[in-house]
Amino acid sequence: MIPSCNDVVTIPCPVCTTPFLPVGKRRYCSDACRVAAHRRRHRVDPLVDVLPAASAPRRPITVYECVCHERKGGVM
């Protein structure tokens, strides 16, 4: 039997699975679980290093060294 909107029914929290009595449109048992669910939904994946394809030519970089042994970089 499907409970009606007026029945007293506990539901499990989608984050911590603790049973709770929803009041109104509440979907989570606490504000901490609500924030945790928001962070999971809007999580930014860690940055992934993108390497150029092996067939793509790389830009040549030349390093110049003067007589005083200071290194100066330059792009050809």
PDB file of N, CA and C in Angstrom:
ATOM      1  N   MET A   1       0.830  -1.179   0.000  1.00  0.00           N
ATOM      2  CA  MET A   1       0.000   0.000   0.000  1.00  0.00           C
ATOM      3  C   MET A   1       0.877   1.245   0.000  1.00  0.00           C
ATOM      4  N   ILE A   2       0.561   2.210  -0.830  1.00  0.00           N
ATOM      5  CA  ILE A   2       1.310   3.452  -0.913  1.00  0.00           C
ATOM      6  C   ILE A   2       0.769   4.413   0.132  1.00  0.00           C
ATOM      7  N   PRO A   3       1.656   4.963   0.974  1.00  0.00           N
ATOM      8  CA  PRO A   3       1.169   5.884   1.995  1.00  0.00           C
ATOM      9  C   PRO A   3       0.703   7.198   1.370  1.00  0.00           C
ATOM     10  N   SER A   4      -0.349   7.779   1.929  1.00  0.00           N
ATOM     11  CA  SER A   4      -0.821   9.068   1.430  1.00  0.00           C
ATOM     12  C   SER A   4       0.016  10.189   2.032  1.00  0.00           C
ATOM     13  N   CYS A   5      -0.207  11.392   1.580  1.00  0.00           N
ATOM     14  CA  CYS A   5       0.564  12.535   2.065  1.00  0.00           C
ATOM     15  C   CYS A   5       0.301  12.823   3.537  1.00  0.00           C
ATOM     16  N   ASN A   6      -0.819  12.371   4.052  1.00  0.00           N
ATOM     17  CA  ASN A   6      -1.171  12.679   5.435  1.00  0.00           C
ATOM     18  C   ASN A   6      -0.718  11.612   6.422  1.00  0.00           C
ATOM     19  N   ASP A   7      -0.197  10.488   5.935  1.00  0.00           N
ATOM     20  CA  ASP A   7       0.256   9.429   6.830  1.00  0.00           C
ATOM     21  C   ASP A   7       1.603   9.802   7.452  1.00  0.00           C
ATOM     22  N   VAL A   8       1.802   9.327   8.681  1.00  0.00           N
ATOM     23  CA  VAL A   8       3.077   9.533   9.357  1.00  0.00           C
ATOM     24  C   VAL A   8       4.010   8.405   8.926  1.00  0.00           C
ATOM     25  N   VAL A   9       5.025   8.762   8.117  1.00  0.00           N
ATOM     26  CA  VAL A   9       5.951   7.778   7.577  1.00  0.00           C
ATOM     27  C   VAL A   9       7.360   8.323   7.723  1.00  0.00           C
ATOM     28  N   THR A  10       8.247   7.479   8.193  1.00  0.00           N
ATOM     29  CA  THR A  10       9.645   7.890   8.218  1.00  0.00           C
ATOM     30  C   THR A  10      10.298   7.455   6.914  1.00  0.00           C
ATOM     31  N   ILE A  11      11.230   8.272   6.446  1.00  0.00           N
ATOM     32  CA  ILE A  11      11.968   7.944   5.233  1.00  0.00           C
ATOM     33  C   ILE A  11      13.454   7.994   5.555  1.00  0.00           C
ATOM     34  N   PRO A  12      14.273   7.244   4.833  1.00  0.00           N
ATOM     35  CA  PRO A  12      15.713   7.303   5.092  1.00  0.00           C
ATOM     36  C   PRO A  12      16.330   8.539   4.433  1.00  0.00           C
ATOM     37  N   CYS A  13      17.279   9.136   5.122  1.00  0.00           N
ATOM     38  CA  CYS A  13      18.025  10.269   4.571  1.00  0.00           C
ATOM     39  C   CYS A  13      18.885   9.743   3.418  1.00  0.00           C
ATOM     40  N   PRO A  14      18.878  10.394   2.255  1.00  0.00           N
ATOM     41  CA  PRO A  14      19.676   9.900   1.132  1.00  0.00           C
ATOM     42  C   PRO A  14      21.183   9.973   1.360  1.00  0.00           C
ATOM     43  N   VAL A  15      21.629  10.745   2.350  1.00  0.00           N
ATOM     44  CA  VAL A  15      23.071  10.895   2.603  1.00  0.00           C
ATOM     45  C   VAL A  15      23.549   9.899   3.646  1.00  0.00           C
ATOM     46  N   CYS A  16      22.895   9.896   4.818  1.00  0.00           N
ATOM     47  CA  CYS A  16      23.384   9.054   5.920  1.00  0.00           C
ATOM     48  C   CYS A  16      22.478   7.860   6.225  1.00  0.00           C
ATOM     49  N   THR A  17      21.378   7.727   5.526  1.00  0.00           N
ATOM     50  CA  THR A  17      20.395   6.635   5.649  1.00  0.00           C
ATOM     51  C   THR A  17      19.726   6.556   7.024  1.00  0.00           C
ATOM     52  N   THR A  18      19.774   7.633   7.805  1.00  0.00           N
ATOM     53  CA  THR A  18      19.074   7.676   9.085  1.00  0.00           C
ATOM     54  C   THR A  18      17.586   7.899   8.824  1.00  0.00           C
ATOM     55  N   PRO A  19      16.705   7.076   9.405  1.00  0.00           N
ATOM     56  CA  PRO A  19      15.277   7.309   9.198  1.00  0.00           C
ATOM     57  C   PRO A  19      14.829   8.577   9.934  1.00  0.00           C
ATOM     58  N   PHE A  20      14.002   9.385   9.279  1.00  0.00           N
ATOM     59  CA  PHE A  20      13.503  10.607   9.900  1.00  0.00           C
ATOM     60  C   PHE A  20      12.101  10.895   9.389  1.00  0.00           C
ATOM     61  N   LEU A  21      11.386  11.725  10.114  1.00  0.00           N
ATOM     62  CA  LEU A  21      10.034  12.114   9.755  1.00  0.00           C
ATOM     63  C   LEU A  21      10.118  13.415   8.956  1.00  0.00           C
ATOM     64  N   PRO A  22       9.804  13.366   7.653  1.00  0.00           N
ATOM     65  CA  PRO A  22       9.908  14.585   6.853  1.00  0.00           C
ATOM     66  C   PRO A  22       8.800  15.579   7.220  1.00  0.00           C
ATOM     67  N   VAL A  23       9.165  16.819   7.313  1.00  0.00           N
ATOM     68  CA  VAL A  23       8.212  17.883   7.596  1.00  0.00           C
ATOM     69  C   VAL A  23       8.195  18.790   6.372  1.00  0.00           C
ATOM     70  N   GLY A  24       7.059  18.946   5.762  1.00  0.00           N
ATOM     71  CA  GLY A  24       6.963  19.753   4.543  1.00  0.00           C
ATOM     72  C   GLY A  24       7.654  19.048   3.385  1.00  0.00           C
ATOM     73  N   LYS A  25       8.543  19.761   2.705  1.00  0.00           N
ATOM     74  CA  LYS A  25       9.267  19.187   1.565  1.00  0.00           C
ATOM     75  C   LYS A  25      10.666  18.722   1.945  1.00  0.00           C
ATOM     76  N   ARG A  26      10.925  18.592   3.216  1.00  0.00           N
ATOM     77  CA  ARG A  26      12.257  18.219   3.689  1.00  0.00           C
ATOM     78  C   ARG A  26      12.668  16.851   3.145  1.00  0.00           C
ATOM     79  N   ARG A  27      13.882  16.785   2.562  1.00  0.00           N
ATOM     80  CA  ARG A  27      14.379  15.531   1.993  1.00  0.00           C
ATOM     81  C   ARG A  27      15.543  14.945   2.784  1.00  0.00           C
ATOM     82  N   TYR A  28      16.171  15.741   3.643  1.00  0.00           N
ATOM     83  CA  TYR A  28      17.347  15.310   4.393  1.00  0.00           C
ATOM     84  C   TYR A  28      17.063  15.439   5.888  1.00  0.00           C
ATOM     85  N   CYS A  29      17.750  14.626   6.692  1.00  0.00           N
ATOM     86  CA  CYS A  29      17.474  14.604   8.124  1.00  0.00           C
ATOM     87  C   CYS A  29      18.016  15.834   8.843  1.00  0.00           C
ATOM     88  N   SER A  30      19.057  16.455   8.303  1.00  0.00           N
ATOM     89  CA  SER A  30      19.646  17.625   8.962  1.00  0.00           C
ATOM     90  C   SER A  30      20.224  18.567   7.916  1.00  0.00           C
ATOM     91  N   ASP A  31      20.569  19.765   8.377  1.00  0.00           N
ATOM     92  CA  ASP A  31      21.198  20.731   7.474  1.00  0.00           C
ATOM     93  C   ASP A  31      22.576  20.245   7.032  1.00  0.00           C
ATOM     94  N   ALA A  32      23.267  19.515   7.895  1.00  0.00           N
ATOM     95  CA  ALA A  32      24.585  18.994   7.531  1.00  0.00           C
ATOM     96  C   ALA A  32      24.478  18.013   6.361  1.00  0.00           C
ATOM     97  N   CYS A  33      23.475  17.151   6.374  1.00  0.00           N
ATOM     98  CA  CYS A  33      23.274  16.207   5.263  1.00  0.00           C
ATOM     99  C   CYS A  33      22.850  16.947   3.998  1.00  0.00           C
ATOM    100  N   ARG A  34      22.049  18.004   4.152  1.00  0.00           N
ATOM    101  CA  ARG A  34      21.617  18.797   2.998  1.00  0.00           C
ATOM    102  C   ARG A  34      22.821  19.453   2.334  1.00  0.00           C
ATOM    103  N   VAL A  35      23.737  20.011   3.138  1.00  0.00           N
ATOM    104  CA  VAL A  35      24.938  20.649   2.610  1.00  0.00           C
ATOM    105  C   VAL A  35      25.855  19.602   1.980  1.00  0.00           C
ATOM    106  N   ALA A  36      25.986  18.443   2.608  1.00  0.00           N
ATOM    107  CA  ALA A  36      26.831  17.379   2.054  1.00  0.00           C
ATOM    108  C   ALA A  36      26.305  16.923   0.696  1.00  0.00           C
ATOM    109  N   ALA A  37      24.988  16.811   0.557  1.00  0.00           N
ATOM    110  CA  ALA A  37      24.398  16.406  -0.721  1.00  0.00           C
ATOM    111  C   ALA A  37      24.641  17.476  -1.785  1.00  0.00           C
ATOM    112  N   HIS A  38      24.535  18.740  -1.411  1.00  0.00           N
ATOM    113  CA  HIS A  38      24.792  19.834  -2.357  1.00  0.00           C
ATOM    114  C   HIS A  38      26.240  19.794  -2.827  1.00  0.00           C
ATOM    115  N   ARG A  39      27.166  19.565  -1.893  1.00  0.00           N
ATOM    116  CA  ARG A  39      28.589  19.504  -2.261  1.00  0.00           C
ATOM    117  C   ARG A  39      28.869  18.317  -3.184  1.00  0.00           C
ATOM    118  N   ARG A  40      28.204  17.202  -2.962  1.00  0.00           N
ATOM    119  CA  ARG A  40      28.393  16.046  -3.850  1.00  0.00           C
ATOM    120  C   ARG A  40      27.887  16.343  -5.250  1.00  0.00           C
ATOM    121  N   ARG A  41      26.735  17.020  -5.339  1.00  0.00           N
ATOM    122  CA  ARG A  41      26.161  17.324  -6.652  1.00  0.00           C
ATOM    123  C   ARG A  41      26.991  18.343  -7.417  1.00  0.00           C
ATOM    124  N   HIS A  42      27.631  19.268  -6.715  1.00  0.00           N
ATOM    125  CA  HIS A  42      28.367  20.347  -7.372  1.00  0.00           C
ATOM    126  C   HIS A  42      29.877  20.193  -7.223  1.00  0.00           C
ATOM    127  N   ARG A  43      30.325  18.984  -7.012  1.00  0.00           N
ATOM    128  CA  ARG A  43      31.754  18.726  -6.837  1.00  0.00           C
ATOM    129  C   ARG A  43      32.489  18.989  -8.142  1.00  0.00           C
ATOM    130  N   VAL A  44      33.628  19.642  -8.016  1.00  0.00           N
ATOM    131  CA  VAL A  44      34.479  19.895  -9.173  1.00  0.00           C
ATOM    132  C   VAL A  44      35.533  18.802  -9.191  1.00  0.00           C
ATOM    133  N   ASP A  45      35.632  18.121 -10.315  1.00  0.00           N
ATOM    134  CA  ASP A  45      36.629  17.067 -10.428  1.00  0.00           C
ATOM    135  C   ASP A  45      38.024  17.678 -10.388  1.00  0.00           C
ATOM    136  N   PRO A  46      38.992  16.957  -9.847  1.00  0.00           N
ATOM    137  CA  PRO A  46      40.352  17.498  -9.824  1.00  0.00           C
ATOM    138  C   PRO A  46      40.848  17.739 -11.247  1.00  0.00           C
ATOM    139  N   LEU A  47      41.704  18.732 -11.373  1.00  0.00           N
ATOM    140  CA  LEU A  47      42.232  19.058 -12.689  1.00  0.00           C
ATOM    141  C   LEU A  47      43.047  17.897 -13.247  1.00  0.00           C
ATOM    142  N   VAL A  48      42.875  17.649 -14.499  1.00  0.00           N
ATOM    143  CA  VAL A  48      43.574  16.568 -15.162  1.00  0.00           C
ATOM    144  C   VAL A  48      44.616  17.193 -16.080  1.00  0.00           C
ATOM    145  N   ASP A  49      45.848  16.724 -15.981  1.00  0.00           N
ATOM    146  CA  ASP A  49      46.890  17.223 -16.867  1.00  0.00           C
ATOM    147  C   ASP A  49      46.612  16.742 -18.283  1.00  0.00           C
ATOM    148  N   VAL A  50      46.523  17.680 -19.197  1.00  0.00           N
ATOM    149  CA  VAL A  50      46.274  17.336 -20.584  1.00  0.00           C
ATOM    150  C   VAL A  50      47.596  17.441 -21.325  1.00  0.00           C
ATOM    151  N   LEU A  51      48.047  16.326 -21.840  1.00  0.00           N
ATOM    152  CA  LEU A  51      49.291  16.298 -22.586  1.00  0.00           C
ATOM    153  C   LEU A  51      48.988  16.355 -24.075  1.00  0.00           C
ATOM    154  N   PRO A  52      49.837  17.048 -24.837  1.00  0.00           N
ATOM    155  CA  PRO A  52      49.600  17.082 -26.283  1.00  0.00           C
ATOM    156  C   PRO A  52      49.796  15.699 -26.883  1.00  0.00           C
ATOM    157  N   ALA A  53      49.144  15.478 -28.006  1.00  0.00           N
ATOM    158  CA  ALA A  53      49.285  14.195 -28.685  1.00  0.00           C
ATOM    159  C   ALA A  53      50.734  13.987 -29.112  1.00  0.00           C
ATOM    160  N   ALA A  54      51.148  12.749 -29.180  1.00  0.00           N
ATOM    161  CA  ALA A  54      52.545  12.440 -29.520  1.00  0.00           C
ATOM    162  C   ALA A  54      52.898  12.911 -30.927  1.00  0.00           C
ATOM    163  N   SER A  55      51.925  12.966 -31.827  1.00  0.00           N
ATOM    164  CA  SER A  55      52.214  13.357 -33.195  1.00  0.00           C
ATOM    165  C   SER A  55      52.274  14.877 -33.370  1.00  0.00           C
ATOM    166  N   ALA A  56      51.768  15.630 -32.385  1.00  0.00           N
ATOM    167  CA  ALA A  56      51.771  17.089 -32.507  1.00  0.00           C
ATOM    168  C   ALA A  56      53.175  17.628 -32.246  1.00  0.00           C
ATOM    169  N   PRO A  57      53.673  18.501 -33.118  1.00  0.00           N
ATOM    170  CA  PRO A  57      55.006  19.064 -32.883  1.00  0.00           C
ATOM    171  C   PRO A  57      54.970  20.025 -31.699  1.00  0.00           C
ATOM    172  N   ARG A  58      56.011  19.990 -30.914  1.00  0.00           N
ATOM    173  CA  ARG A  58      56.114  20.881 -29.769  1.00  0.00           C
ATOM    174  C   ARG A  58      56.834  22.154 -30.175  1.00  0.00           C
ATOM    175  N   ARG A  59      56.530  23.223 -29.479  1.00  0.00           N
ATOM    176  CA  ARG A  59      57.168  24.499 -29.762  1.00  0.00           C
ATOM    177  C   ARG A  59      58.598  24.458 -29.237  1.00  0.00           C
ATOM    178  N   PRO A  60      59.593  24.802 -30.087  1.00  0.00           N
ATOM    179  CA  PRO A  60      60.989  24.744 -29.626  1.00  0.00           C
ATOM    180  C   PRO A  60      61.290  25.866 -28.631  1.00  0.00           C
ATOM    181  N   ILE A  61      62.034  25.545 -27.612  1.00  0.00           N
ATOM    182  CA  ILE A  61      62.451  26.517 -26.608  1.00  0.00           C
ATOM    183  C   ILE A  61      63.974  26.481 -26.549  1.00  0.00           C
ATOM    184  N   THR A  62      64.584  27.646 -26.630  1.00  0.00           N
ATOM    185  CA  THR A  62      66.032  27.751 -26.588  1.00  0.00           C
ATOM    186  C   THR A  62      66.436  28.450 -25.307  1.00  0.00           C
ATOM    187  N   VAL A  63      67.425  27.913 -24.614  1.00  0.00           N
ATOM    188  CA  VAL A  63      67.953  28.531 -23.401  1.00  0.00           C
ATOM    189  C   VAL A  63      69.327  29.067 -23.733  1.00  0.00           C
ATOM    190  N   TYR A  64      69.512  30.379 -23.531  1.00  0.00           N
ATOM    191  CA  TYR A  64      70.793  31.026 -23.796  1.00  0.00           C
ATOM    192  C   TYR A  64      71.549  31.165 -22.490  1.00  0.00           C
ATOM    193  N   GLU A  65      72.855  30.995 -22.563  1.00  0.00           N
ATOM    194  CA  GLU A  65      73.692  31.160 -21.385  1.00  0.00           C
ATOM    195  C   GLU A  65      74.807  32.123 -21.745  1.00  0.00           C
ATOM    196  N   CYS A  66      74.928  33.196 -20.957  1.00  0.00           N
ATOM    197  CA  CYS A  66      75.972  34.173 -21.255  1.00  0.00           C
ATOM    198  C   CYS A  66      77.243  33.803 -20.496  1.00  0.00           C
ATOM    199  N   VAL A  67      78.299  34.590 -20.718  1.00  0.00           N
ATOM    200  CA  VAL A  67      79.589  34.286 -20.093  1.00  0.00           C
ATOM    201  C   VAL A  67      79.543  34.442 -18.581  1.00  0.00           C
ATOM    202  N   CYS A  68      78.599  35.193 -18.064  1.00  0.00           N
ATOM    203  CA  CYS A  68      78.485  35.357 -16.611  1.00  0.00           C
ATOM    204  C   CYS A  68      77.655  34.230 -15.988  1.00  0.00           C
ATOM    205  N   HIS A  69      77.286  33.254 -16.780  1.00  0.00           N
ATOM    206  CA  HIS A  69      76.549  32.050 -16.371  1.00  0.00           C
ATOM    207  C   HIS A  69      75.132  32.339 -15.888  1.00  0.00           C
ATOM    208  N   GLU A  70      74.545  33.432 -16.344  1.00  0.00           N
ATOM    209  CA  GLU A  70      73.139  33.683 -16.093  1.00  0.00           C
ATOM    210  C   GLU A  70      72.341  33.036 -17.208  1.00  0.00           C
ATOM    211  N   ARG A  71      71.290  32.349 -16.847  1.00  0.00           N
ATOM    212  CA  ARG A  71      70.470  31.688 -17.860  1.00  0.00           C
ATOM    213  C   ARG A  71      69.317  32.579 -18.244  1.00  0.00           C
ATOM    214  N   LYS A  72      69.079  32.692 -19.525  1.00  0.00           N
ATOM    215  CA  LYS A  72      67.968  33.487 -20.033  1.00  0.00           C
ATOM    216  C   LYS A  72      67.207  32.627 -21.014  1.00  0.00           C
ATOM    217  N   GLY A  73      65.901  32.534 -20.830  1.00  0.00           N
ATOM    218  CA  GLY A  73      65.089  31.701 -21.718  1.00  0.00           C
ATOM    219  C   GLY A  73      64.531  32.535 -22.853  1.00  0.00           C
ATOM    220  N   GLY A  74      64.320  31.881 -23.961  1.00  0.00           N
ATOM    221  CA  GLY A  74      63.742  32.546 -25.102  1.00  0.00           C
ATOM    222  C   GLY A  74      62.970  31.553 -25.956  1.00  0.00           C
ATOM    223  N   VAL A  75      62.045  32.041 -26.712  1.00  0.00           N
ATOM    224  CA  VAL A  75      61.234  31.184 -27.592  1.00  0.00           C
ATOM    225  C   VAL A  75      61.611  31.504 -29.017  1.00  0.00           C
ATOM    226  N   MET A  76      61.852  30.468 -29.789  1.00  0.00           N
ATOM    227  CA  MET A  76      62.198  30.680 -31.184  1.00  0.00           C
ATOM    228  C   MET A  76      60.949  30.864 -31.992  1.00  0.00           C
TER     229      MET A  76
END
